[in-house]
Amino acid sequence: MPRTLDTVVTYLEMTDDPGRSPRAPSLPGLALLKVEDIPLHYYRYLYDAVGRDWHWVDRKKLSDEDLAAALHRDTVDIYVAHVKGAPAGYFELERDLPGRVLLAYFGLIPDFIGLRLGGWLLDTAIATAWSHAPARVEVETCTLDHPRALGLYQKKGFRPVKRVEKTMTLLD
């Protein structure tokens, strides 16, 4: 029988551009790269490295064909932060609905948590989302996510609009 976990998903939105200029932390070799047509093995690595501790499973369930269809669209942008050439975290934006940008995935690889990258990367994701001139930017998080995730989203200007209880099926 598959393992399940109960969680509360919080949906958040931002309807005004905060107009913040992201301030990069002072780290040697910090770079942010937009990845075009991301190789699936690299995406799977990032997704697992960032999301393993937080029970990210949705994209792990997808076949290569379905994952490629989800990622390799003109309405999806993936940015990867690097420190000294090593991937440190990423964010993924989806612009599928008119007037909306979804921050679909965001996070850091555990080795890079605590280096003041999270706030900068989130500010960068928000600024990038607003560069598309949407009416709103949305994100969701859940109680299985990093304990500071919800607070960070709210600190950066997102406000909760809905909470839903869900049961997640984990992979073996």
Protein backbone atom coordinates (compact mmCIF):
# COMPACT_ATOMS: atom_id res chain seq x y z
CA MET A 1 0.00 0.00 0.00
CA PRO A 2 1.45 3.41 -0.95
CA ARG A 3 2.52 5.75 1.83
CA THR A 4 0.58 8.98 2.16
CA LEU A 5 1.05 12.22 4.05
CA ASP A 6 -1.59 14.79 4.93
CA THR A 7 -0.71 18.40 4.24
CA VAL A 8 -2.27 21.83 4.04
CA VAL A 9 -1.59 23.65 0.78
CA THR A 10 -1.58 27.44 0.94
CA TYR A 11 -2.18 29.32 -2.31
CA LEU A 12 -0.72 32.82 -2.36
CA GLU A 13 -0.80 35.71 -4.79
CA MET A 14 0.75 39.11 -5.35
CA THR A 15 -1.20 41.71 -7.31
CA ASP A 16 1.26 44.62 -7.17
CA ASP A 17 4.85 44.64 -8.35
CA PRO A 18 6.96 45.34 -5.26
CA GLY A 19 9.56 46.95 -7.51
CA ARG A 20 12.46 45.52 -5.54
CA SER A 21 15.85 45.23 -7.19
CA PRO A 22 17.27 41.87 -6.12
CA ARG A 23 20.44 42.31 -4.03
CA ALA A 24 22.76 39.39 -4.60
CA PRO A 25 24.59 38.04 -1.56
CA SER A 26 28.34 38.44 -1.58
CA LEU A 27 29.30 34.93 -2.62
CA PRO A 28 32.21 34.07 -4.90
CA GLY A 29 31.14 32.80 -8.28
CA LEU A 30 27.41 33.54 -7.87
CA ALA A 31 25.63 33.38 -11.22
CA LEU A 32 22.06 33.00 -12.43
CA LEU A 33 21.48 31.31 -15.76
CA LYS A 34 18.29 30.87 -17.75
CA VAL A 35 18.25 27.31 -19.05
CA GLU A 36 16.71 26.89 -22.50
CA ASP A 37 15.29 23.44 -23.34
CA ILE A 38 16.62 22.02 -20.10
CA PRO A 39 17.90 18.45 -20.43
CA LEU A 40 15.52 16.17 -18.56
CA HIS A 41 18.25 14.45 -16.54
CA TYR A 42 19.47 17.84 -15.31
CA TYR A 43 15.94 18.96 -14.42
CA ARG A 44 15.31 15.69 -12.57
CA TYR A 45 18.55 16.24 -10.64
CA LEU A 46 17.55 19.80 -9.65
CA TYR A 47 13.99 18.78 -8.75
CA ASP A 48 15.22 15.92 -6.55
CA ALA A 49 18.10 17.84 -4.96
CA VAL A 50 15.87 20.79 -4.03
CA GLY A 51 12.68 18.89 -3.23
CA ARG A 52 13.75 15.56 -1.73
CA ASP A 53 13.53 16.73 1.90
CA TRP A 54 10.16 18.38 1.25
CA HIS A 55 8.46 15.41 -0.43
CA TRP A 56 8.31 16.86 -3.95
CA VAL A 57 6.93 13.95 -5.96
CA ASP A 58 4.65 15.30 -8.71
CA ARG A 59 7.33 15.68 -11.38
CA LYS A 60 9.02 12.41 -10.36
CA LYS A 61 5.87 10.58 -11.42
CA LEU A 62 6.08 11.91 -15.01
CA SER A 63 7.51 9.95 -17.91
CA ASP A 64 10.27 11.63 -19.91
CA GLU A 65 7.74 12.41 -22.63
CA ASP A 66 5.30 14.04 -20.21
CA LEU A 67 8.06 15.94 -18.40
CA ALA A 68 9.42 17.28 -21.69
CA ALA A 69 5.91 18.40 -22.66
CA ALA A 70 5.58 20.23 -19.33
CA LEU A 71 8.97 21.93 -19.51
CA HIS A 72 9.78 22.56 -23.17
CA ARG A 73 7.13 25.19 -23.84
CA ASP A 74 7.48 28.85 -24.70
CA THR A 75 5.50 29.69 -21.57
CA VAL A 76 7.95 28.04 -19.14
CA ASP A 77 11.16 29.68 -17.93
CA ILE A 78 13.73 27.94 -15.73
CA TYR A 79 16.55 29.79 -14.00
CA VAL A 80 19.35 28.08 -12.08
CA ALA A 81 21.52 29.80 -9.47
CA HIS A 82 25.13 28.63 -9.32
CA VAL A 83 27.86 29.18 -6.75
CA LYS A 84 31.40 28.52 -7.94
CA GLY A 85 29.94 26.66 -10.92
CA ALA A 86 27.76 24.29 -8.87
CA PRO A 87 23.95 24.46 -9.03
CA ALA A 88 22.62 25.97 -5.80
CA GLY A 89 18.89 26.28 -6.50
CA TYR A 90 16.35 27.14 -9.15
CA PHE A 91 13.02 28.64 -9.95
CA GLU A 92 10.48 27.83 -12.63
CA LEU A 93 7.90 30.27 -13.96
CA GLU A 94 4.80 29.32 -15.95
CA ARG A 95 2.88 31.85 -18.04
CA ASP A 96 0.04 29.61 -19.24
CA LEU A 97 -2.94 31.75 -18.27
CA PRO A 98 -3.45 35.33 -19.48
CA GLY A 99 -2.58 37.87 -16.82
CA ARG A 100 -0.94 35.35 -14.50
CA VAL A 101 2.57 34.12 -13.83
CA LEU A 102 2.90 31.07 -11.59
CA LEU A 103 6.05 30.53 -9.58
CA ALA A 104 5.70 26.79 -10.10
CA TYR A 105 8.88 25.67 -8.34
CA PHE A 106 11.41 27.48 -6.20
CA GLY A 107 14.07 26.30 -3.80
CA LEU A 108 17.66 25.76 -2.83
CA ILE A 109 19.79 22.64 -2.73
CA PRO A 110 20.36 21.88 1.00
CA ASP A 111 24.12 22.59 0.91
CA PHE A 112 23.30 26.20 0.00
CA ILE A 113 20.61 26.92 2.60
CA GLY A 114 21.79 29.47 5.14
CA LEU A 115 24.01 31.45 2.74
CA ARG A 116 21.43 34.24 2.21
CA LEU A 117 20.63 32.95 -1.27
CA GLY A 118 16.93 32.26 -0.70
CA GLY A 119 15.74 35.84 -0.35
CA TRP A 120 17.80 36.98 -3.34
CA LEU A 121 16.63 34.09 -5.51
CA LEU A 122 12.99 34.71 -4.56
CA ASP A 123 13.34 38.46 -5.23
CA THR A 124 14.84 37.57 -8.60
CA ALA A 125 11.98 35.16 -9.37
CA ILE A 126 9.43 37.83 -8.41
CA ALA A 127 11.14 40.52 -10.52
CA THR A 128 11.37 38.12 -13.46
CA ALA A 129 7.69 37.22 -13.10
CA TRP A 130 6.67 40.90 -13.06
CA SER A 131 8.82 41.61 -16.13
CA HIS A 132 6.06 39.81 -18.08
CA ALA A 133 3.53 42.44 -16.87
CA PRO A 134 0.93 40.08 -15.39
CA ALA A 135 -2.07 41.14 -13.32
CA ARG A 136 -0.89 38.77 -10.59
CA VAL A 137 1.89 36.40 -9.60
CA GLU A 138 0.93 33.19 -7.80
CA VAL A 139 2.76 30.59 -5.75
CA GLU A 140 1.74 27.72 -3.51
CA THR A 141 3.42 26.02 -0.60
CA CYS A 142 2.41 23.34 1.86
CA THR A 143 3.08 22.25 5.42
CA LEU A 144 5.59 19.68 4.12
CA ASP A 145 7.75 22.45 2.63
CA HIS A 146 10.69 24.16 4.36
CA PRO A 147 9.42 25.57 7.68
CA ARG A 148 10.34 29.12 6.62
CA ALA A 149 8.79 28.94 3.13
CA LEU A 150 5.37 30.40 3.93
CA GLY A 151 6.84 33.20 6.03
CA LEU A 152 9.36 34.09 3.32
CA TYR A 153 6.65 34.27 0.66
CA GLN A 154 4.59 36.55 2.89
CA LYS A 155 7.60 38.71 3.80
CA LYS A 156 8.23 39.24 0.08
CA GLY A 157 4.64 40.41 -0.48
CA PHE A 158 2.54 37.35 -1.31
CA ARG A 159 -0.74 37.05 0.55
CA PRO A 160 -2.64 33.82 1.21
CA VAL A 161 -5.87 33.48 -0.76
CA LYS A 162 -6.85 29.88 -0.06
CA ARG A 163 -5.89 26.87 2.06
CA VAL A 164 -6.77 23.31 1.11
CA GLU A 165 -6.18 20.05 2.98
CA LYS A 166 -4.68 17.36 0.74
CA THR A 167 -3.29 13.87 1.01
CA MET A 168 -0.09 13.26 -0.95
CA THR A 169 0.90 9.84 -2.20
CA LEU A 170 4.64 9.31 -1.80
CA LEU A 171 6.86 7.30 -4.08
CA ASP A 172 8.47 4.11 -2.78
